N, C-alpha and C. Protein backbone atom coordinates (compact mmCIF):
# COMPACT_ATOMS: atom_id res chain seq x y z
N UNK A 1 1.96 -6.34 0.38
CA UNK A 1 2.60 -7.56 0.82
C UNK A 1 3.31 -7.28 2.14
N UNK A 2 3.16 -8.15 3.09
CA UNK A 2 3.71 -7.95 4.42
C UNK A 2 5.07 -8.63 4.55
N UNK A 3 6.07 -7.83 4.82
CA UNK A 3 7.42 -8.33 5.04
C UNK A 3 7.72 -8.25 6.53
N UNK A 4 8.45 -9.25 7.03
CA UNK A 4 8.74 -9.28 8.46
C UNK A 4 9.92 -8.38 8.84
N UNK A 5 10.99 -8.43 8.05
CA UNK A 5 12.23 -7.79 8.46
C UNK A 5 12.50 -6.48 7.74
N UNK A 6 12.35 -6.44 6.44
CA UNK A 6 12.75 -5.26 5.68
C UNK A 6 11.98 -4.01 6.11
N UNK A 7 10.70 -4.16 6.45
CA UNK A 7 9.93 -3.00 6.93
C UNK A 7 10.46 -2.49 8.26
N UNK A 8 10.85 -3.42 9.14
CA UNK A 8 11.43 -3.01 10.42
C UNK A 8 12.73 -2.25 10.22
N UNK A 9 13.55 -2.73 9.30
CA UNK A 9 14.85 -2.09 9.06
C UNK A 9 14.69 -0.72 8.41
N UNK A 10 13.75 -0.59 7.50
CA UNK A 10 13.60 0.66 6.78
C UNK A 10 12.90 1.73 7.61
N UNK A 11 11.89 1.35 8.38
CA UNK A 11 11.15 2.34 9.16
C UNK A 11 11.79 2.61 10.52
N UNK A 12 12.42 1.59 11.07
CA UNK A 12 13.04 1.67 12.41
C UNK A 12 12.03 2.09 13.47
N UNK A 13 10.77 1.69 13.25
CA UNK A 13 9.72 1.97 14.23
C UNK A 13 9.65 0.82 15.22
N UNK A 14 10.62 0.80 16.11
CA UNK A 14 10.73 -0.28 17.09
C UNK A 14 10.60 0.30 18.49
N UNK A 15 10.05 -0.49 19.38
CA UNK A 15 9.89 -0.03 20.75
C UNK A 15 11.21 -0.01 21.50
N UNK A 16 12.10 -0.93 21.17
CA UNK A 16 13.38 -1.05 21.86
C UNK A 16 14.33 0.06 21.44
N UNK A 17 15.17 0.48 22.37
CA UNK A 17 16.21 1.47 22.08
C UNK A 17 17.47 0.72 21.65
N UNK A 18 18.16 1.26 20.68
CA UNK A 18 19.36 0.64 20.15
C UNK A 18 20.58 1.50 20.46
N UNK A 19 21.68 0.82 20.81
CA UNK A 19 22.94 1.53 21.00
C UNK A 19 23.52 1.85 19.63
N UNK A 20 24.60 2.63 19.60
CA UNK A 20 25.23 2.98 18.33
C UNK A 20 25.75 1.74 17.61
N UNK A 21 26.33 0.80 18.35
CA UNK A 21 26.86 -0.41 17.72
C UNK A 21 25.71 -1.27 17.18
N UNK A 22 24.60 -1.31 17.89
CA UNK A 22 23.43 -2.05 17.40
C UNK A 22 22.84 -1.38 16.16
N UNK A 23 22.83 -0.04 16.14
CA UNK A 23 22.36 0.69 14.96
C UNK A 23 23.24 0.38 13.76
N UNK A 24 24.56 0.28 13.99
CA UNK A 24 25.45 -0.03 12.87
C UNK A 24 25.21 -1.45 12.35
N UNK A 25 24.85 -2.36 13.23
CA UNK A 25 24.50 -3.72 12.80
C UNK A 25 23.23 -3.69 11.97
N UNK A 26 22.22 -2.92 12.40
CA UNK A 26 20.98 -2.78 11.64
C UNK A 26 21.27 -2.18 10.27
N UNK A 27 22.14 -1.16 10.23
CA UNK A 27 22.50 -0.55 8.94
C UNK A 27 23.18 -1.57 8.03
N UNK A 28 24.08 -2.36 8.60
CA UNK A 28 24.78 -3.37 7.80
C UNK A 28 23.80 -4.40 7.25
N UNK A 29 22.89 -4.86 8.08
CA UNK A 29 21.90 -5.85 7.64
C UNK A 29 21.03 -5.26 6.53
N UNK A 30 20.63 -4.00 6.68
CA UNK A 30 19.79 -3.37 5.66
C UNK A 30 20.54 -3.23 4.34
N UNK A 31 21.79 -2.81 4.40
CA UNK A 31 22.58 -2.63 3.17
C UNK A 31 22.90 -3.94 2.48
N UNK A 32 23.05 -5.01 3.24
CA UNK A 32 23.43 -6.31 2.70
C UNK A 32 22.31 -7.33 2.86
N UNK A 33 21.08 -6.85 2.75
CA UNK A 33 19.89 -7.65 3.04
C UNK A 33 19.88 -8.98 2.27
N UNK A 34 20.20 -8.93 0.98
CA UNK A 34 20.13 -10.14 0.16
C UNK A 34 21.26 -11.12 0.45
N UNK A 35 22.32 -10.68 1.12
CA UNK A 35 23.45 -11.57 1.43
C UNK A 35 23.32 -12.24 2.79
N UNK A 36 22.54 -11.68 3.67
CA UNK A 36 22.45 -12.15 5.07
C UNK A 36 22.07 -13.62 5.18
N UNK A 37 21.13 -14.17 4.38
CA UNK A 37 20.81 -15.59 4.53
C UNK A 37 22.00 -16.52 4.29
N UNK A 38 23.01 -16.06 3.58
CA UNK A 38 24.20 -16.88 3.31
C UNK A 38 25.27 -16.73 4.39
N UNK A 39 25.10 -15.76 5.28
CA UNK A 39 26.09 -15.47 6.31
C UNK A 39 25.90 -16.35 7.53
N UNK A 40 27.00 -16.66 8.17
CA UNK A 40 26.94 -17.24 9.51
C UNK A 40 27.03 -16.06 10.47
N UNK A 41 26.73 -16.29 11.73
CA UNK A 41 26.79 -15.21 12.71
C UNK A 41 28.23 -14.71 12.84
N UNK A 42 29.19 -15.62 12.71
CA UNK A 42 30.60 -15.23 12.80
C UNK A 42 30.98 -14.32 11.63
N UNK A 43 30.55 -14.68 10.43
CA UNK A 43 30.86 -13.86 9.26
C UNK A 43 30.20 -12.49 9.38
N UNK A 44 28.96 -12.45 9.85
CA UNK A 44 28.28 -11.18 10.04
C UNK A 44 29.04 -10.30 11.03
N UNK A 45 29.52 -10.92 12.11
CA UNK A 45 30.28 -10.16 13.12
C UNK A 45 31.57 -9.60 12.52
N UNK A 46 32.25 -10.40 11.71
CA UNK A 46 33.47 -9.93 11.07
C UNK A 46 33.19 -8.78 10.10
N UNK A 47 32.16 -8.94 9.29
CA UNK A 47 31.86 -7.93 8.27
C UNK A 47 31.31 -6.64 8.88
N UNK A 48 30.52 -6.77 9.93
CA UNK A 48 29.89 -5.60 10.56
C UNK A 48 30.72 -5.04 11.70
N UNK A 49 31.85 -5.65 11.99
CA UNK A 49 32.72 -5.24 13.10
C UNK A 49 31.94 -5.18 14.40
N UNK A 50 31.30 -6.31 14.72
CA UNK A 50 30.47 -6.37 15.92
C UNK A 50 30.72 -7.68 16.65
N UNK A 51 30.24 -7.76 17.87
CA UNK A 51 30.37 -8.99 18.64
C UNK A 51 29.13 -9.84 18.45
N UNK A 52 29.27 -11.13 18.76
CA UNK A 52 28.12 -12.03 18.66
C UNK A 52 27.03 -11.63 19.64
N UNK A 53 27.43 -11.15 20.79
CA UNK A 53 26.44 -10.73 21.79
C UNK A 53 25.61 -9.55 21.25
N UNK A 54 26.28 -8.62 20.56
CA UNK A 54 25.55 -7.48 19.99
C UNK A 54 24.58 -7.93 18.91
N UNK A 55 25.01 -8.86 18.08
CA UNK A 55 24.15 -9.38 17.02
C UNK A 55 22.93 -10.07 17.64
N UNK A 56 23.16 -10.86 18.67
CA UNK A 56 22.04 -11.55 19.34
C UNK A 56 21.09 -10.56 20.01
N UNK A 57 21.63 -9.49 20.59
CA UNK A 57 20.76 -8.46 21.19
C UNK A 57 19.90 -7.79 20.13
N UNK A 58 20.51 -7.50 18.98
CA UNK A 58 19.76 -6.88 17.88
C UNK A 58 18.64 -7.82 17.44
N UNK A 59 18.95 -9.10 17.27
CA UNK A 59 17.93 -10.07 16.85
C UNK A 59 16.77 -10.10 17.84
N UNK A 60 17.09 -10.11 19.12
CA UNK A 60 16.04 -10.16 20.14
C UNK A 60 15.23 -8.88 20.18
N UNK A 61 15.89 -7.73 19.97
CA UNK A 61 15.17 -6.46 19.96
C UNK A 61 14.27 -6.35 18.73
N UNK A 62 14.63 -7.04 17.65
CA UNK A 62 13.79 -7.07 16.45
C UNK A 62 12.62 -8.04 16.61
N UNK A 63 12.66 -8.87 17.67
CA UNK A 63 11.56 -9.79 17.94
C UNK A 63 11.83 -11.23 17.53
N UNK A 64 13.10 -11.57 17.31
CA UNK A 64 13.47 -12.93 16.92
C UNK A 64 14.21 -13.60 18.07
N UNK A 65 14.19 -14.93 18.06
CA UNK A 65 14.85 -15.67 19.14
C UNK A 65 16.37 -15.63 18.99
N UNK A 66 16.83 -15.52 17.74
CA UNK A 66 18.27 -15.48 17.50
C UNK A 66 18.56 -15.20 16.04
N UNK A 67 19.85 -15.30 15.69
CA UNK A 67 20.26 -14.99 14.33
C UNK A 67 19.69 -15.95 13.30
N UNK A 68 19.54 -17.21 13.64
CA UNK A 68 18.99 -18.19 12.69
C UNK A 68 17.56 -17.84 12.30
N UNK A 69 16.78 -17.44 13.28
CA UNK A 69 15.39 -17.06 12.98
C UNK A 69 15.34 -15.78 12.14
N UNK A 70 16.25 -14.85 12.41
CA UNK A 70 16.33 -13.63 11.61
C UNK A 70 16.69 -13.96 10.17
N UNK A 71 17.68 -14.84 9.99
CA UNK A 71 18.08 -15.26 8.64
C UNK A 71 16.92 -15.89 7.89
N UNK A 72 16.19 -16.75 8.56
CA UNK A 72 15.04 -17.43 7.94
C UNK A 72 13.98 -16.41 7.51
N UNK A 73 13.71 -15.43 8.37
CA UNK A 73 12.71 -14.41 8.04
C UNK A 73 13.17 -13.53 6.88
N UNK A 74 14.46 -13.23 6.84
CA UNK A 74 15.00 -12.45 5.72
C UNK A 74 14.87 -13.24 4.43
N UNK A 75 15.15 -14.54 4.50
CA UNK A 75 15.02 -15.39 3.32
C UNK A 75 13.57 -15.42 2.83
N UNK A 76 12.61 -15.47 3.75
CA UNK A 76 11.19 -15.43 3.37
C UNK A 76 10.84 -14.10 2.72
N UNK A 77 11.36 -13.00 3.28
CA UNK A 77 11.12 -11.68 2.69
C UNK A 77 11.66 -11.62 1.27
N UNK A 78 12.86 -12.14 1.07
CA UNK A 78 13.47 -12.13 -0.26
C UNK A 78 12.65 -12.95 -1.26
N UNK A 79 12.12 -14.10 -0.81
CA UNK A 79 11.28 -14.92 -1.68
C UNK A 79 9.99 -14.18 -2.04
N UNK A 80 9.39 -13.48 -1.07
CA UNK A 80 8.18 -12.71 -1.34
C UNK A 80 8.47 -11.58 -2.33
N UNK A 81 9.62 -10.92 -2.16
CA UNK A 81 10.00 -9.85 -3.08
C UNK A 81 10.17 -10.37 -4.49
N UNK A 82 10.83 -11.52 -4.62
CA UNK A 82 11.08 -12.11 -5.94
C UNK A 82 9.77 -12.54 -6.59
N UNK A 83 8.87 -13.16 -5.82
CA UNK A 83 7.60 -13.59 -6.41
C UNK A 83 6.75 -12.39 -6.80
N UNK A 84 6.82 -11.32 -6.00
CA UNK A 84 6.08 -10.10 -6.33
C UNK A 84 6.63 -9.47 -7.60
N UNK A 85 7.95 -9.47 -7.73
CA UNK A 85 8.58 -8.91 -8.92
C UNK A 85 8.20 -9.73 -10.16
N UNK A 86 8.23 -11.06 -10.04
CA UNK A 86 7.87 -11.92 -11.16
C UNK A 86 6.41 -11.72 -11.56
N UNK A 87 5.54 -11.58 -10.57
CA UNK A 87 4.12 -11.36 -10.85
C UNK A 87 3.92 -10.04 -11.60
N UNK A 88 4.62 -9.00 -11.19
CA UNK A 88 4.50 -7.70 -11.87
C UNK A 88 4.99 -7.79 -13.32
N UNK A 89 6.10 -8.49 -13.53
CA UNK A 89 6.64 -8.64 -14.88
C UNK A 89 5.66 -9.43 -15.75
N UNK A 90 5.11 -10.51 -15.21
CA UNK A 90 4.15 -11.32 -15.97
C UNK A 90 2.90 -10.52 -16.30
N UNK A 91 2.41 -9.72 -15.34
CA UNK A 91 1.23 -8.88 -15.60
C UNK A 91 1.51 -7.87 -16.69
N UNK A 92 2.70 -7.27 -16.68
CA UNK A 92 3.06 -6.29 -17.70
C UNK A 92 3.07 -6.94 -19.08
N UNK A 93 3.70 -8.11 -19.19
CA UNK A 93 3.72 -8.82 -20.48
C UNK A 93 2.31 -9.17 -20.94
N UNK A 94 1.45 -9.58 -20.01
CA UNK A 94 0.08 -9.92 -20.35
C UNK A 94 -0.64 -8.72 -20.98
N UNK A 95 -0.50 -7.55 -20.33
CA UNK A 95 -1.19 -6.36 -20.84
C UNK A 95 -0.62 -5.90 -22.17
N UNK A 96 0.69 -5.98 -22.33
CA UNK A 96 1.30 -5.58 -23.60
C UNK A 96 0.85 -6.50 -24.73
N UNK A 97 0.81 -7.80 -24.45
CA UNK A 97 0.41 -8.76 -25.48
C UNK A 97 -1.06 -8.60 -25.88
N UNK A 98 -1.87 -8.07 -24.96
CA UNK A 98 -3.31 -7.97 -25.23
C UNK A 98 -3.77 -6.58 -25.66
N UNK A 99 -2.84 -5.73 -26.03
CA UNK A 99 -3.23 -4.42 -26.54
C UNK A 99 -3.80 -4.60 -27.94
N UNK A 100 -4.96 -4.04 -28.16
CA UNK A 100 -5.59 -4.09 -29.48
C UNK A 100 -5.24 -2.78 -30.20
N UNK A 101 -4.25 -2.85 -31.07
CA UNK A 101 -3.74 -1.64 -31.71
C UNK A 101 -4.75 -1.02 -32.68
N UNK A 102 -5.69 -1.80 -33.17
CA UNK A 102 -6.73 -1.22 -34.04
C UNK A 102 -7.63 -0.30 -33.23
N UNK A 103 -7.97 -0.69 -32.00
CA UNK A 103 -8.76 0.18 -31.12
C UNK A 103 -7.99 1.44 -30.76
N UNK A 104 -6.70 1.28 -30.50
CA UNK A 104 -5.87 2.43 -30.16
C UNK A 104 -5.84 3.41 -31.33
N UNK A 105 -5.72 2.89 -32.55
CA UNK A 105 -5.72 3.75 -33.74
C UNK A 105 -7.04 4.51 -33.85
N UNK A 106 -8.15 3.83 -33.58
CA UNK A 106 -9.46 4.47 -33.63
C UNK A 106 -9.58 5.58 -32.59
N UNK A 107 -9.09 5.33 -31.41
CA UNK A 107 -9.12 6.34 -30.35
C UNK A 107 -8.27 7.55 -30.74
N UNK A 108 -7.11 7.28 -31.33
CA UNK A 108 -6.23 8.37 -31.76
C UNK A 108 -6.92 9.25 -32.81
N UNK A 109 -7.66 8.64 -33.72
CA UNK A 109 -8.38 9.40 -34.75
C UNK A 109 -9.48 10.26 -34.14
N UNK A 110 -10.20 9.72 -33.17
CA UNK A 110 -11.26 10.49 -32.49
C UNK A 110 -10.65 11.68 -31.75
N UNK A 111 -9.52 11.46 -31.10
CA UNK A 111 -8.85 12.55 -30.39
C UNK A 111 -8.41 13.64 -31.37
N UNK A 112 -7.88 13.24 -32.52
CA UNK A 112 -7.42 14.21 -33.52
C UNK A 112 -8.60 15.06 -34.02
N UNK A 113 -9.76 14.44 -34.18
CA UNK A 113 -10.93 15.16 -34.70
C UNK A 113 -11.49 16.14 -33.67
N UNK A 114 -11.62 15.72 -32.42
CA UNK A 114 -12.28 16.53 -31.41
C UNK A 114 -11.35 17.52 -30.73
N UNK A 115 -10.12 17.13 -30.48
CA UNK A 115 -9.09 17.95 -29.86
C UNK A 115 -9.48 18.43 -28.45
N UNK A 116 -10.51 17.85 -27.87
CA UNK A 116 -10.88 18.15 -26.49
C UNK A 116 -10.90 16.82 -25.74
N UNK A 117 -10.16 16.78 -24.65
CA UNK A 117 -9.99 15.49 -23.97
C UNK A 117 -10.18 15.68 -22.47
N UNK A 118 -10.97 14.80 -21.88
CA UNK A 118 -11.15 14.75 -20.44
C UNK A 118 -10.46 13.49 -19.94
N UNK A 119 -9.52 13.68 -19.03
CA UNK A 119 -8.77 12.55 -18.47
C UNK A 119 -9.09 12.48 -16.99
N UNK A 120 -9.34 11.27 -16.50
CA UNK A 120 -9.69 11.10 -15.09
C UNK A 120 -8.74 10.10 -14.47
N UNK A 121 -8.20 10.47 -13.31
CA UNK A 121 -7.34 9.56 -12.58
C UNK A 121 -7.53 9.76 -11.09
N UNK A 122 -7.51 8.69 -10.36
CA UNK A 122 -7.69 8.75 -8.92
C UNK A 122 -6.57 7.95 -8.26
N UNK A 123 -5.98 8.49 -7.23
CA UNK A 123 -4.89 7.80 -6.55
C UNK A 123 -3.63 7.83 -7.40
N UNK A 124 -3.00 6.68 -7.56
CA UNK A 124 -1.78 6.61 -8.35
C UNK A 124 -2.05 6.91 -9.82
N UNK A 125 -3.25 6.63 -10.29
CA UNK A 125 -3.61 6.92 -11.68
C UNK A 125 -3.63 8.42 -11.95
N UNK A 126 -3.82 9.22 -10.91
CA UNK A 126 -3.85 10.66 -11.09
C UNK A 126 -2.51 11.17 -11.59
N UNK A 127 -1.43 10.57 -11.15
CA UNK A 127 -0.10 10.99 -11.60
C UNK A 127 0.02 10.75 -13.10
N UNK A 128 -0.40 9.58 -13.56
CA UNK A 128 -0.35 9.27 -14.99
C UNK A 128 -1.27 10.19 -15.77
N UNK A 129 -2.46 10.45 -15.24
CA UNK A 129 -3.41 11.34 -15.92
C UNK A 129 -2.85 12.75 -16.03
N UNK A 130 -2.22 13.25 -14.99
CA UNK A 130 -1.62 14.59 -15.03
C UNK A 130 -0.50 14.66 -16.05
N UNK A 131 0.31 13.62 -16.10
CA UNK A 131 1.41 13.59 -17.08
C UNK A 131 0.86 13.57 -18.50
N UNK A 132 -0.15 12.74 -18.76
CA UNK A 132 -0.75 12.66 -20.09
C UNK A 132 -1.38 14.00 -20.47
N UNK A 133 -2.06 14.64 -19.51
CA UNK A 133 -2.66 15.95 -19.78
C UNK A 133 -1.59 16.96 -20.19
N UNK A 134 -0.49 17.00 -19.46
CA UNK A 134 0.58 17.94 -19.77
C UNK A 134 1.15 17.69 -21.16
N UNK A 135 1.35 16.42 -21.51
CA UNK A 135 1.89 16.10 -22.83
C UNK A 135 0.90 16.50 -23.94
N UNK A 136 -0.38 16.27 -23.71
CA UNK A 136 -1.38 16.65 -24.71
C UNK A 136 -1.48 18.16 -24.87
N UNK A 137 -1.32 18.89 -23.76
CA UNK A 137 -1.33 20.35 -23.84
C UNK A 137 -0.16 20.85 -24.69
N UNK A 138 0.99 20.22 -24.54
CA UNK A 138 2.16 20.58 -25.36
C UNK A 138 1.89 20.36 -26.85
N UNK A 139 1.07 19.37 -27.16
CA UNK A 139 0.75 19.05 -28.55
C UNK A 139 -0.39 19.90 -29.10
N UNK A 140 -0.97 20.75 -28.27
CA UNK A 140 -2.01 21.65 -28.73
C UNK A 140 -3.44 21.16 -28.52
N UNK A 141 -3.61 20.12 -27.74
CA UNK A 141 -4.95 19.62 -27.44
C UNK A 141 -5.48 20.30 -26.19
N UNK A 142 -6.81 20.42 -26.11
CA UNK A 142 -7.44 20.91 -24.90
C UNK A 142 -7.68 19.71 -23.99
N UNK A 143 -6.86 19.60 -22.95
CA UNK A 143 -6.95 18.43 -22.07
C UNK A 143 -7.19 18.90 -20.64
N UNK A 144 -8.14 18.25 -20.02
CA UNK A 144 -8.47 18.55 -18.62
C UNK A 144 -8.40 17.25 -17.85
């Protein structure tokens, strides 16, 4: 999922050079990311101990016309994050509800009988496969 602001703040891979005060504004925005859409520029300046001119320079160096556009983009990022989180939660519930425990019991019995297990994982699944292999080795199974 492509975020406009949070990726810029976290990676800091920007062409523009930032002064120390501008860096502190970026740090404040990153730490208070979810609160920024509710802030006015004056409140941000008070909380971040910065001037309005510095805030506007930061916004322009980030590629926005001003603080209002930055706020709007942060709000969009937050909505994308929330929808992504909800989608992940819904997918998890879907998979849990659709587990066929009778099949799982059958697989467990086959594993108990053979005691030799080949596990395959690629990419992020490799981490889970390695963990499962280690746990099965602890239990006395031959797992590769």
